[in-house]
Each structure stands twice: as structure tokens, then as C-alpha cells.
Amino acid sequence: MDAGRPARLAVGVVSAGRVGAVVGAAWAAAGHHVVATSGVSRDSVKRAAALLPDVPLRPPDEVVAGADLALLAVPDDVLPGLVRGLAAAGSFRPGQIVVHTSGAHGVAVLAPAAEHGVLPLALHPVMTFTGRTEDVNRLASCSVGVTATAGDEAAWSVGEALVVEMGAEPVRIEERVRPLYHAALAHGANHLVTLVRDCVETLERAGISPAERLVAPLLSAALDNALRHGDRALTGPVARGDVETVRAHLRELGAVDKDLVETYRVLAGRTARRAAGAGLLPDSAAHDVLATLEEGP
């Protein structure tokens, strides 16, 4: 195998979840042969039929044993036990490439497989998945966090080549920073969804509909500006130091949802400190905003 470009490989996918089925389909489109997948839920079976047509469903140990490239696309907390179980079952063999897609783990979690002579890789696509066919095309616009064994340049190159074959952009993530890397991504992506849904549902409680259509341009512009301009994109009453408006927000949100108003306090405090640090908000105004957030409505 050329370290810069993997040969055509027999791929086994464990399992046909939202990530595994999509990545497997992307590698199939690149010329690899998906020989088997696993899946027991109704959704997994339907997803396998749509994205990996004519690929047989097999138990995980058989999927891995028959593969040159074993893709382990399972939840973070499931992965360590799965790897240990597959190792104990003798599913791994020397020369295999074993890849997992967990953002939280690097290659250390694959140690039981590495003891059998496999090449361990962690390839984490930095995107959200629906498990539908359009996700394969969306891979072309995303990055994939690549982690390989420290000092093994050939392994890093194989991982990067596999990512390029997905149509994505590889980004090297060292093993030691993998947990912080994943925490940052989860904080941004997962909490963004929570924030957006809080916004929409609060508008709906006020009788405003369709709320999604109302806020879509605003939120899209805010995200774009934040990515382009950083803290200079901050705007709104907190960044301007409009204390009375902030006090009114606390009163109105507190009347609707006690948890929501506490979230507002925390995020508004972060916003005030960022605005002050960026020179958008004078220190005296930032002090007044923070004091208002502490005292409540």
C-alpha cells in the first residue's frame, strides 16, 4: 500500500448509523468496496439499504474480520467496550486499518486492536449528520479531525488520504488535545441548537409565527459575522451597555422560564466581558451590565 494513497480496500462498517453509513458510502464512491455492515435497529437497516445498497448485514465481529479497512462508527461511550470485545473475539489481524469516528477519543482507545498489528486511526468528521444521502455531498464542505500514532508519519498520511477520498479536508489533531478539541466542537454545535430552539420557542410563546422564518436571516448573519469578524461582530443591548433593556429582558424571560433566564444571565455575562475585551464596551458600562445581571430584574 502506498502510504500517500490507500489501495482499493474491502471496507466493513460497524455500524450503519448516521455517520457510518455516510462515510462508508463516501468511500464506496471513491472506489473502495464495502463488503459488510452491521445494524439491528429499523433505522439502521433502512439507512444501510439507502446508502449501502446490496451490502449484507452481518454481526460486528464478522464485519471486522472480513475487512481490510474496519470503520467503527459507534457512540463515544460504546467504543472502548466494542474494541475490547472485537479484540477478544480475534476479529483483528495484522495489516488491517481500523478507523473510528469518535470525536472524544484519539487512537489510544484502539490499543487492544493495535496489539494485533492493525494500523489505528481516528477520523472525526466535523459536521452534523442526518444519515441521509445528502450527507455524502456535505462531506465535501467539511473538515475531518485526523489522529494517528505519534511519530508514525506513514499512518498520518494514510489517514489524510482516506479523508481526501471522502471529499473532505484533513486536519491533524494530536492525541493529547483530542478531549479539548471535542469539548470545543460540542460546546459550539450542540449548544447552538439549544440556543436557537430557545429563541424560536420563546417567540412562539409570544404568539409569533412562523418563528423560524423570522429569525433565520438574523441568526445566519450573526453566525457568518462571528466567523468572519470574531468579537467585533458582537452587537445588541449587552454589547452597547443598554442596562435598562437588559433588565427588561431578565424580567420578561424570567416570567416565561426560570431556566431560560439563567442561561441568558450566563451568556450575557460572557458577551459583556468579550465586548469589553474587544474595546466595544467601556469598562464602566461593562461593570453596570454585569451588576444588572447579578441583581436580576
C-alpha atoms as a PDB file:
ATOM      1  CA  MET A   1       0.000   0.000   0.000  1.00  0.00           C
ATOM      2  CA  ASP A   2       1.283   3.477  -0.919  1.00  0.00           C
ATOM      3  CA  ALA A   3       1.372   5.486   2.300  1.00  0.00           C
ATOM      4  CA  GLY A   4       0.136   8.533   0.412  1.00  0.00           C
ATOM      5  CA  ARG A   5      -2.892   6.815  -1.105  1.00  0.00           C
ATOM      6  CA  PRO A   6      -4.629   3.693   0.221  1.00  0.00           C
ATOM      7  CA  ALA A   7      -5.153   0.874  -2.266  1.00  0.00           C
ATOM      8  CA  ARG A   8      -8.684  -0.217  -3.100  1.00  0.00           C
ATOM      9  CA  LEU A   9      -9.865  -1.755   0.137  1.00  0.00           C
ATOM     10  CA  ALA A  10     -12.572  -4.074   1.401  1.00  0.00           C
ATOM     11  CA  VAL A  11     -14.447  -1.909   3.905  1.00  0.00           C
ATOM     12  CA  GLY A  12     -16.502  -3.151   6.847  1.00  0.00           C
ATOM     13  CA  VAL A  13     -18.811  -0.655   8.564  1.00  0.00           C
ATOM     14  CA  VAL A  14     -19.795  -1.044  12.234  1.00  0.00           C
ATOM     15  CA  SER A  15     -22.462   0.218  12.289  1.00  0.00           C
ATOM     16  CA  ALA A  16     -24.876   1.684   9.710  1.00  0.00           C
ATOM     17  CA  GLY A  17     -25.698   4.674  11.900  1.00  0.00           C
ATOM     18  CA  ARG A  18     -25.868   8.266  10.716  1.00  0.00           C
ATOM     19  CA  VAL A  19     -22.086   8.582  10.464  1.00  0.00           C
ATOM     20  CA  GLY A  20     -21.005   5.078   9.494  1.00  0.00           C
ATOM     21  CA  ALA A  21     -23.372   4.672   6.572  1.00  0.00           C
ATOM     22  CA  VAL A  22     -22.426   8.073   5.145  1.00  0.00           C
ATOM     23  CA  VAL A  23     -18.665   7.604   5.458  1.00  0.00           C
ATOM     24  CA  GLY A  24     -18.972   4.098   4.044  1.00  0.00           C
ATOM     25  CA  ALA A  25     -20.920   5.460   1.083  1.00  0.00           C
ATOM     26  CA  ALA A  26     -18.281   8.153   0.516  1.00  0.00           C
ATOM     27  CA  TRP A  27     -15.515   5.561   0.431  1.00  0.00           C
ATOM     28  CA  ALA A  28     -17.571   3.377  -1.889  1.00  0.00           C
ATOM     29  CA  ALA A  29     -17.917   6.355  -4.240  1.00  0.00           C
ATOM     30  CA  ALA A  30     -14.118   6.721  -4.124  1.00  0.00           C
ATOM     31  CA  GLY A  31     -13.707   3.167  -5.394  1.00  0.00           C
ATOM     32  CA  HIS A  32     -13.433   1.103  -2.226  1.00  0.00           C
ATOM     33  CA  HIS A  33     -15.697  -1.936  -1.805  1.00  0.00           C
ATOM     34  CA  VAL A  34     -17.989  -2.012   1.217  1.00  0.00           C
ATOM     35  CA  VAL A  35     -18.265  -5.737   1.889  1.00  0.00           C
ATOM     36  CA  ALA A  36     -20.446  -5.776   5.012  1.00  0.00           C
ATOM     37  CA  THR A  37     -22.125  -3.611   7.613  1.00  0.00           C
ATOM     38  CA  SER A  38     -23.950  -4.131  10.876  1.00  0.00           C
ATOM     39  CA  GLY A  39     -27.215  -2.726  12.157  1.00  0.00           C
ATOM     40  CA  VAL A  40     -30.122  -4.014  14.195  1.00  0.00           C
ATOM     41  CA  SER A  41     -32.495  -1.071  14.532  1.00  0.00           C
ATOM     42  CA  ARG A  42     -35.127  -0.379  11.902  1.00  0.00           C
ATOM     43  CA  ASP A  43     -33.478   2.960  11.090  1.00  0.00           C
ATOM     44  CA  SER A  44     -30.064   1.358  10.635  1.00  0.00           C
ATOM     45  CA  VAL A  45     -31.439  -1.278   8.300  1.00  0.00           C
ATOM     46  CA  LYS A  46     -33.253   1.352   6.219  1.00  0.00           C
ATOM     47  CA  ARG A  47     -30.145   3.569   6.183  1.00  0.00           C
ATOM     48  CA  ALA A  48     -27.960   0.681   5.041  1.00  0.00           C
ATOM     49  CA  ALA A  49     -30.403  -0.104   2.219  1.00  0.00           C
ATOM     50  CA  ALA A  50     -30.396   3.533   1.065  1.00  0.00           C
ATOM     51  CA  LEU A  51     -26.709   4.384   1.391  1.00  0.00           C
ATOM     52  CA  LEU A  52     -25.045   0.970   1.123  1.00  0.00           C
ATOM     53  CA  PRO A  53     -27.316  -0.908  -1.291  1.00  0.00           C
ATOM     54  CA  ASP A  54     -26.725  -4.647  -1.670  1.00  0.00           C
ATOM     55  CA  VAL A  55     -24.227  -4.644   1.218  1.00  0.00           C
ATOM     56  CA  PRO A  56     -25.002  -7.603   3.503  1.00  0.00           C
ATOM     57  CA  LEU A  57     -25.795  -7.101   7.181  1.00  0.00           C
ATOM     58  CA  ARG A  58     -23.527  -9.122   9.463  1.00  0.00           C
ATOM     59  CA  PRO A  59     -22.654  -9.251  13.177  1.00  0.00           C
ATOM     60  CA  PRO A  60     -19.911  -6.756  14.101  1.00  0.00           C
ATOM     61  CA  ASP A  61     -17.200  -9.395  14.596  1.00  0.00           C
ATOM     62  CA  GLU A  62     -17.824 -10.814  11.111  1.00  0.00           C
ATOM     63  CA  VAL A  63     -17.899  -7.337   9.580  1.00  0.00           C
ATOM     64  CA  VAL A  64     -14.475  -6.537  11.012  1.00  0.00           C
ATOM     65  CA  ALA A  65     -12.926  -9.948  10.335  1.00  0.00           C
ATOM     66  CA  GLY A  66     -13.728  -9.683   6.614  1.00  0.00           C
ATOM     67  CA  ALA A  67     -12.450  -6.143   6.128  1.00  0.00           C
ATOM     68  CA  ASP A  68      -9.160  -4.559   5.119  1.00  0.00           C
ATOM     69  CA  LEU A  69     -10.496  -1.262   6.480  1.00  0.00           C
ATOM     70  CA  ALA A  70     -12.748  -1.593   9.537  1.00  0.00           C
ATOM     71  CA  LEU A  71     -14.817   1.506  10.306  1.00  0.00           C
ATOM     72  CA  LEU A  72     -16.101   1.662  13.891  1.00  0.00           C
ATOM     73  CA  ALA A  73     -18.788   4.356  13.879  1.00  0.00           C
ATOM     74  CA  VAL A  74     -20.425   3.925  17.269  1.00  0.00           C
ATOM     75  CA  PRO A  75     -21.170   6.294  20.191  1.00  0.00           C
ATOM     76  CA  ASP A  76     -18.222   7.530  22.271  1.00  0.00           C
ATOM     77  CA  ASP A  77     -19.084   5.523  25.371  1.00  0.00           C
ATOM     78  CA  VAL A  78     -19.687   2.315  23.381  1.00  0.00           C
ATOM     79  CA  LEU A  79     -16.367   2.396  21.521  1.00  0.00           C
ATOM     80  CA  PRO A  80     -13.933   1.154  24.222  1.00  0.00           C
ATOM     81  CA  GLY A  81     -16.017  -1.922  25.022  1.00  0.00           C
ATOM     82  CA  LEU A  82     -16.564  -2.680  21.341  1.00  0.00           C
ATOM     83  CA  VAL A  83     -12.832  -2.583  20.627  1.00  0.00           C
ATOM     84  CA  ARG A  84     -12.054  -4.841  23.595  1.00  0.00           C
ATOM     85  CA  GLY A  85     -14.770  -7.271  22.564  1.00  0.00           C
ATOM     86  CA  LEU A  86     -13.627  -7.450  18.946  1.00  0.00           C
ATOM     87  CA  ALA A  87     -10.034  -7.985  20.077  1.00  0.00           C
ATOM     88  CA  ALA A  88     -11.098 -10.787  22.412  1.00  0.00           C
ATOM     89  CA  ALA A  89     -13.063 -12.390  19.565  1.00  0.00           C
ATOM     90  CA  GLY A  90      -9.985 -12.413  17.328  1.00  0.00           C
ATOM     91  CA  SER A  91     -11.585 -10.143  14.727  1.00  0.00           C
ATOM     92  CA  PHE A  92      -8.464  -8.028  14.114  1.00  0.00           C
ATOM     93  CA  ARG A  93      -5.458  -9.117  12.080  1.00  0.00           C
ATOM     94  CA  PRO A  94      -2.076  -7.634  11.153  1.00  0.00           C
ATOM     95  CA  GLY A  95      -2.171  -5.179   8.267  1.00  0.00           C
ATOM     96  CA  GLN A  96      -5.770  -4.062   8.782  1.00  0.00           C
ATOM     97  CA  ILE A  97      -6.631  -0.384   9.015  1.00  0.00           C
ATOM     98  CA  VAL A  98      -9.009   0.234  11.923  1.00  0.00           C
ATOM     99  CA  VAL A  99     -10.730   3.622  11.982  1.00  0.00           C
ATOM    100  CA  HIS A 100     -13.135   5.094  14.490  1.00  0.00           C
ATOM    101  CA  THR A 101     -15.165   8.291  14.064  1.00  0.00           C
ATOM    102  CA  SER A 102     -15.480   9.381  17.701  1.00  0.00           C
ATOM    103  CA  GLY A 103     -14.533  12.978  18.358  1.00  0.00           C
ATOM    104  CA  ALA A 104     -13.846  12.361  22.042  1.00  0.00           C
ATOM    105  CA  HIS A 105     -11.214   9.645  21.527  1.00  0.00           C
ATOM    106  CA  GLY A 106      -7.853   9.528  19.800  1.00  0.00           C
ATOM    107  CA  VAL A 107      -6.032   6.326  18.882  1.00  0.00           C
ATOM    108  CA  ALA A 108      -5.322   5.181  22.467  1.00  0.00           C
ATOM    109  CA  VAL A 109      -8.801   3.646  22.602  1.00  0.00           C
ATOM    110  CA  LEU A 110      -7.751   1.340  19.756  1.00  0.00           C
ATOM    111  CA  ALA A 111      -4.833  -0.126  21.750  1.00  0.00           C
ATOM    112  CA  PRO A 112      -6.449  -3.609  22.000  1.00  0.00           C
ATOM    113  CA  ALA A 113      -6.665  -3.654  18.187  1.00  0.00           C
ATOM    114  CA  ALA A 114      -3.147  -2.269  17.750  1.00  0.00           C
ATOM    115  CA  GLU A 115      -1.835  -5.224  19.779  1.00  0.00           C
ATOM    116  CA  HIS A 116      -2.978  -7.381  16.854  1.00  0.00           C
ATOM    117  CA  GLY A 117      -0.899  -5.412  14.357  1.00  0.00           C
ATOM    118  CA  VAL A 118      -3.539  -3.106  12.888  1.00  0.00           C
ATOM    119  CA  LEU A 119      -2.964   0.483  11.819  1.00  0.00           C
ATOM    120  CA  PRO A 120      -5.151   2.567  14.196  1.00  0.00           C
ATOM    121  CA  LEU A 121      -6.683   5.857  13.066  1.00  0.00           C
ATOM    122  CA  ALA A 122      -9.216   8.333  14.467  1.00  0.00           C
ATOM    123  CA  LEU A 123     -11.115  10.224  11.767  1.00  0.00           C
ATOM    124  CA  HIS A 124     -13.785  12.578  13.118  1.00  0.00           C
ATOM    125  CA  PRO A 125     -15.937  14.424  10.537  1.00  0.00           C
ATOM    126  CA  VAL A 126     -16.649  17.919  11.847  1.00  0.00           C
ATOM    127  CA  MET A 127     -20.279  18.150  10.811  1.00  0.00           C
ATOM    128  CA  THR A 128     -23.702  17.067  11.965  1.00  0.00           C
ATOM    129  CA  PHE A 129     -25.241  14.062  10.238  1.00  0.00           C
ATOM    130  CA  THR A 130     -28.825  13.239   9.340  1.00  0.00           C
ATOM    131  CA  GLY A 131     -27.925   9.845   7.871  1.00  0.00           C
ATOM    132  CA  ARG A 132     -29.463  10.742   4.511  1.00  0.00           C
ATOM    133  CA  THR A 133     -27.892  10.687   1.067  1.00  0.00           C
ATOM    134  CA  GLU A 134     -27.272  14.439   1.006  1.00  0.00           C
ATOM    135  CA  ASP A 135     -24.757  13.995   3.822  1.00  0.00           C
ATOM    136  CA  VAL A 136     -22.354  12.319   1.389  1.00  0.00           C
ATOM    137  CA  ASN A 137     -22.215  15.513  -0.646  1.00  0.00           C
ATOM    138  CA  ARG A 138     -21.943  17.645   2.500  1.00  0.00           C
ATOM    139  CA  LEU A 139     -18.706  15.868   3.390  1.00  0.00           C
ATOM    140  CA  ALA A 140     -17.071  17.843   0.588  1.00  0.00           C
ATOM    141  CA  SER A 141     -17.501  21.063   2.557  1.00  0.00           C
ATOM    142  CA  CYS A 142     -16.325  19.816   5.957  1.00  0.00           C
ATOM    143  CA  SER A 143     -13.076  19.083   7.760  1.00  0.00           C
ATOM    144  CA  VAL A 144     -12.131  15.809   9.425  1.00  0.00           C
ATOM    145  CA  GLY A 145     -10.001  15.665  12.559  1.00  0.00           C
ATOM    146  CA  VAL A 146      -7.224  13.100  11.961  1.00  0.00           C
ATOM    147  CA  THR A 147      -5.300  11.439  14.792  1.00  0.00           C
ATOM    148  CA  ALA A 148      -2.668   8.747  14.293  1.00  0.00           C
ATOM    149  CA  THR A 149       0.118   7.295  16.420  1.00  0.00           C
ATOM    150  CA  ALA A 150       2.651   9.974  17.344  1.00  0.00           C
ATOM    151  CA  GLY A 151       5.765   9.766  15.202  1.00  0.00           C
ATOM    152  CA  ASP A 152       4.243   7.387  12.633  1.00  0.00           C
ATOM    153  CA  GLU A 153       4.217   9.681   9.626  1.00  0.00           C
ATOM    154  CA  ALA A 154       3.058   6.899   7.302  1.00  0.00           C
ATOM    155  CA  ALA A 155      -0.040   6.371   9.448  1.00  0.00           C
ATOM    156  CA  TRP A 156      -0.844  10.097   9.435  1.00  0.00           C
ATOM    157  CA  SER A 157      -0.523  10.080   5.639  1.00  0.00           C
ATOM    158  CA  VAL A 158      -2.890   7.127   5.289  1.00  0.00           C
ATOM    159  CA  GLY A 159      -5.442   8.867   7.496  1.00  0.00           C
ATOM    160  CA  GLU A 160      -5.201  12.069   5.495  1.00  0.00           C
ATOM    161  CA  ALA A 161      -5.531  10.187   2.221  1.00  0.00           C
ATOM    162  CA  LEU A 162      -8.673   8.425   3.437  1.00  0.00           C
ATOM    163  CA  VAL A 163     -10.162  11.802   4.366  1.00  0.00           C
ATOM    164  CA  VAL A 164      -9.336  13.277   0.970  1.00  0.00           C
ATOM    165  CA  GLU A 165     -11.079  10.301  -0.615  1.00  0.00           C
ATOM    166  CA  MET A 166     -14.208  11.185   1.357  1.00  0.00           C
ATOM    167  CA  GLY A 167     -14.019  14.571  -0.360  1.00  0.00           C
ATOM    168  CA  ALA A 168     -13.233  16.324   2.939  1.00  0.00           C
ATOM    169  CA  GLU A 169     -10.263  18.294   4.294  1.00  0.00           C
ATOM    170  CA  PRO A 170      -7.965  16.589   6.831  1.00  0.00           C
ATOM    171  CA  VAL A 171      -6.851  18.497   9.932  1.00  0.00           C
ATOM    172  CA  ARG A 172      -4.255  16.950  12.237  1.00  0.00           C
ATOM    173  CA  ILE A 173      -5.345  16.703  15.888  1.00  0.00           C
ATOM    174  CA  GLU A 174      -2.739  15.497  18.365  1.00  0.00           C
ATOM    175  CA  GLU A 175      -3.817  12.787  20.794  1.00  0.00           C
ATOM    176  CA  ARG A 176      -3.268  14.955  23.876  1.00  0.00           C
ATOM    177  CA  VAL A 177      -5.670  17.702  22.739  1.00  0.00           C
ATOM    178  CA  ARG A 178      -8.397  15.410  21.444  1.00  0.00           C
ATOM    179  CA  PRO A 179     -10.682  15.791  24.511  1.00  0.00           C
ATOM    180  CA  LEU A 180     -10.429  19.604  24.448  1.00  0.00           C
ATOM    181  CA  TYR A 181     -10.956  19.627  20.671  1.00  0.00           C
ATOM    182  CA  HIS A 182     -14.149  17.632  21.078  1.00  0.00           C
ATOM    183  CA  ALA A 183     -15.387  19.722  24.002  1.00  0.00           C
ATOM    184  CA  ALA A 184     -14.984  22.896  21.930  1.00  0.00           C
ATOM    185  CA  LEU A 185     -16.897  21.448  18.980  1.00  0.00           C
ATOM    186  CA  ALA A 186     -19.690  20.102  21.166  1.00  0.00           C
ATOM    187  CA  HIS A 187     -19.969  23.418  23.007  1.00  0.00           C
ATOM    188  CA  GLY A 188     -20.373  25.268  19.717  1.00  0.00           C
ATOM    189  CA  ALA A 189     -22.553  22.921  17.684  1.00  0.00           C
ATOM    190  CA  ASN A 190     -24.742  21.299  20.328  1.00  0.00           C
ATOM    191  CA  HIS A 191     -25.370  24.418  22.386  1.00  0.00           C
ATOM    192  CA  LEU A 192     -26.055  26.421  19.240  1.00  0.00           C
ATOM    193  CA  VAL A 193     -29.016  24.149  18.541  1.00  0.00           C
ATOM    194  CA  THR A 194     -30.258  24.624  22.113  1.00  0.00           C
ATOM    195  CA  LEU A 195     -29.884  28.399  21.823  1.00  0.00           C
ATOM    196  CA  VAL A 196     -31.749  28.541  18.517  1.00  0.00           C
ATOM    197  CA  ARG A 197     -34.584  26.358  19.802  1.00  0.00           C
ATOM    198  CA  ASP A 198     -34.868  28.514  22.941  1.00  0.00           C
ATOM    199  CA  CYS A 199     -35.173  31.582  20.710  1.00  0.00           C
ATOM    200  CA  VAL A 200     -37.790  30.016  18.434  1.00  0.00           C
ATOM    201  CA  GLU A 201     -39.911  28.564  21.235  1.00  0.00           C
ATOM    202  CA  THR A 202     -39.900  31.841  23.178  1.00  0.00           C
ATOM    203  CA  LEU A 203     -41.168  33.675  20.093  1.00  0.00           C
ATOM    204  CA  GLU A 204     -43.846  31.024  19.632  1.00  0.00           C
ATOM    205  CA  ARG A 205     -44.937  31.504  23.252  1.00  0.00           C
ATOM    206  CA  ALA A 206     -45.407  35.171  22.372  1.00  0.00           C
ATOM    207  CA  GLY A 207     -47.706  34.121  19.518  1.00  0.00           C
ATOM    208  CA  ILE A 208     -45.197  34.987  16.779  1.00  0.00           C
ATOM    209  CA  SER A 209     -45.282  32.640  13.806  1.00  0.00           C
ATOM    210  CA  PRO A 210     -43.526  31.376  11.754  1.00  0.00           C
ATOM    211  CA  ALA A 211     -40.696  31.972  14.183  1.00  0.00           C
ATOM    212  CA  GLU A 212     -38.094  30.025  12.205  1.00  0.00           C
ATOM    213  CA  ARG A 213     -38.635  32.163   9.119  1.00  0.00           C
ATOM    214  CA  LEU A 214     -38.419  35.314  11.212  1.00  0.00           C
ATOM    215  CA  VAL A 215     -35.064  34.520  12.822  1.00  0.00           C
ATOM    216  CA  ALA A 216     -33.317  32.572  10.041  1.00  0.00           C
ATOM    217  CA  PRO A 217     -31.758  35.627   8.318  1.00  0.00           C
ATOM    218  CA  LEU A 218     -30.760  37.155  11.663  1.00  0.00           C
ATOM    219  CA  LEU A 219     -29.126  34.037  13.041  1.00  0.00           C
ATOM    220  CA  SER A 220     -27.444  33.161   9.731  1.00  0.00           C
ATOM    221  CA  ALA A 221     -25.957  36.648   9.533  1.00  0.00           C
ATOM    222  CA  ALA A 222     -24.833  36.509  13.157  1.00  0.00           C
ATOM    223  CA  LEU A 223     -23.013  33.205  12.575  1.00  0.00           C
ATOM    224  CA  ASP A 224     -21.379  34.472   9.399  1.00  0.00           C
ATOM    225  CA  ASN A 225     -20.273  37.701  11.077  1.00  0.00           C
ATOM    226  CA  ALA A 226     -18.900  35.865  14.107  1.00  0.00           C
ATOM    227  CA  LEU A 227     -16.792  33.595  11.900  1.00  0.00           C
ATOM    228  CA  ARG A 228     -15.582  36.489   9.760  1.00  0.00           C
ATOM    229  CA  HIS A 229     -15.046  39.188  12.361  1.00  0.00           C
ATOM    230  CA  GLY A 230     -14.733  37.476  15.740  1.00  0.00           C
ATOM    231  CA  ASP A 231     -15.688  39.555  18.781  1.00  0.00           C
ATOM    232  CA  ARG A 232     -16.048  42.639  16.576  1.00  0.00           C
ATOM    233  CA  ALA A 233     -19.325  41.080  15.388  1.00  0.00           C
ATOM    234  CA  LEU A 234     -20.903  41.481  18.835  1.00  0.00           C
ATOM    235  CA  THR A 235     -23.989  43.667  18.820  1.00  0.00           C
ATOM    236  CA  GLY A 236     -27.205  44.146  20.783  1.00  0.00           C
ATOM    237  CA  PRO A 237     -28.044  45.716  24.137  1.00  0.00           C
ATOM    238  CA  VAL A 238     -25.367  43.927  26.171  1.00  0.00           C
ATOM    239  CA  ALA A 239     -22.565  44.936  23.781  1.00  0.00           C
ATOM    240  CA  ARG A 240     -23.924  48.506  23.766  1.00  0.00           C
ATOM    241  CA  GLY A 241     -24.333  48.719  27.537  1.00  0.00           C
ATOM    242  CA  ASP A 242     -28.110  49.296  27.425  1.00  0.00           C
ATOM    243  CA  VAL A 243     -28.729  48.376  31.049  1.00  0.00           C
ATOM    244  CA  GLU A 244     -32.455  49.089  31.145  1.00  0.00           C
ATOM    245  CA  THR A 245     -33.051  46.860  28.114  1.00  0.00           C
ATOM    246  CA  VAL A 246     -31.062  44.073  29.736  1.00  0.00           C
ATOM    247  CA  ARG A 247     -33.129  44.490  32.919  1.00  0.00           C
ATOM    248  CA  ALA A 248     -36.329  44.218  30.854  1.00  0.00           C
ATOM    249  CA  HIS A 249     -35.013  41.049  29.182  1.00  0.00           C
ATOM    250  CA  LEU A 250     -34.379  39.466  32.556  1.00  0.00           C
ATOM    251  CA  ARG A 251     -37.887  40.361  33.716  1.00  0.00           C
ATOM    252  CA  GLU A 252     -39.644  39.046  30.604  1.00  0.00           C
ATOM    253  CA  LEU A 253     -37.633  35.843  30.270  1.00  0.00           C
ATOM    254  CA  GLY A 254     -37.910  35.162  33.996  1.00  0.00           C
ATOM    255  CA  ALA A 255     -41.685  35.307  33.741  1.00  0.00           C
ATOM    256  CA  VAL A 256     -41.621  32.693  30.991  1.00  0.00           C
ATOM    257  CA  ASP A 257     -38.931  30.227  32.015  1.00  0.00           C
ATOM    258  CA  LYS A 258     -36.635  30.299  35.060  1.00  0.00           C
ATOM    259  CA  ASP A 259     -34.050  28.073  33.394  1.00  0.00           C
ATOM    260  CA  LEU A 260     -34.026  30.239  30.289  1.00  0.00           C
ATOM    261  CA  VAL A 261     -33.366  33.445  32.206  1.00  0.00           C
ATOM    262  CA  GLU A 262     -30.413  31.828  33.955  1.00  0.00           C
ATOM    263  CA  THR A 263     -28.982  30.841  30.575  1.00  0.00           C
ATOM    264  CA  TYR A 264     -29.436  34.437  29.437  1.00  0.00           C
ATOM    265  CA  ARG A 265     -27.551  35.695  32.518  1.00  0.00           C
ATOM    266  CA  VAL A 266     -24.558  33.452  31.857  1.00  0.00           C
ATOM    267  CA  LEU A 267     -24.356  34.198  28.128  1.00  0.00           C
ATOM    268  CA  ALA A 268     -24.937  37.914  28.621  1.00  0.00           C
ATOM    269  CA  GLY A 269     -22.099  37.977  31.144  1.00  0.00           C
ATOM    270  CA  ARG A 270     -19.789  36.250  28.660  1.00  0.00           C
ATOM    271  CA  THR A 271     -20.904  38.714  25.982  1.00  0.00           C
ATOM    272  CA  ALA A 272     -20.228  41.752  28.179  1.00  0.00           C
ATOM    273  CA  ARG A 273     -16.718  40.558  29.004  1.00  0.00           C
ATOM    274  CA  ARG A 274     -15.971  39.813  25.351  1.00  0.00           C
ATOM    275  CA  ALA A 275     -17.309  43.188  24.253  1.00  0.00           C
ATOM    276  CA  ALA A 276     -15.158  44.932  26.858  1.00  0.00           C
ATOM    277  CA  GLY A 277     -12.111  42.918  25.834  1.00  0.00           C
ATOM    278  CA  ALA A 278     -12.654  43.853  22.183  1.00  0.00           C
ATOM    279  CA  GLY A 279     -12.912  47.549  23.031  1.00  0.00           C
ATOM    280  CA  LEU A 280     -16.592  47.724  22.063  1.00  0.00           C
ATOM    281  CA  LEU A 281     -17.869  48.362  25.583  1.00  0.00           C
ATOM    282  CA  PRO A 282     -16.215  50.754  28.068  1.00  0.00           C
ATOM    283  CA  ASP A 283     -15.185  49.137  31.330  1.00  0.00           C
ATOM    284  CA  SER A 284     -17.650  51.266  33.299  1.00  0.00           C
ATOM    285  CA  ALA A 285     -20.531  50.173  31.076  1.00  0.00           C
ATOM    286  CA  ALA A 286     -19.444  46.542  31.288  1.00  0.00           C
ATOM    287  CA  HIS A 287     -19.448  46.873  35.090  1.00  0.00           C
ATOM    288  CA  ASP A 288     -23.013  48.228  35.013  1.00  0.00           C
ATOM    289  CA  VAL A 289     -24.215  45.407  32.761  1.00  0.00           C
ATOM    290  CA  LEU A 290     -22.607  42.746  34.941  1.00  0.00           C
ATOM    291  CA  ALA A 291     -24.066  44.319  38.072  1.00  0.00           C
ATOM    292  CA  THR A 292     -27.519  44.304  36.490  1.00  0.00           C
ATOM    293  CA  LEU A 293     -27.163  40.652  35.580  1.00  0.00           C
ATOM    294  CA  GLU A 294     -26.264  39.870  39.171  1.00  0.00           C
ATOM    295  CA  GLU A 295     -29.135  41.789  40.723  1.00  0.00           C
ATOM    296  CA  GLY A 296     -31.827  40.484  38.378  1.00  0.00           C
ATOM    297  CA  PRO A 297     -34.884  42.389  37.135  1.00  0.00           C
END
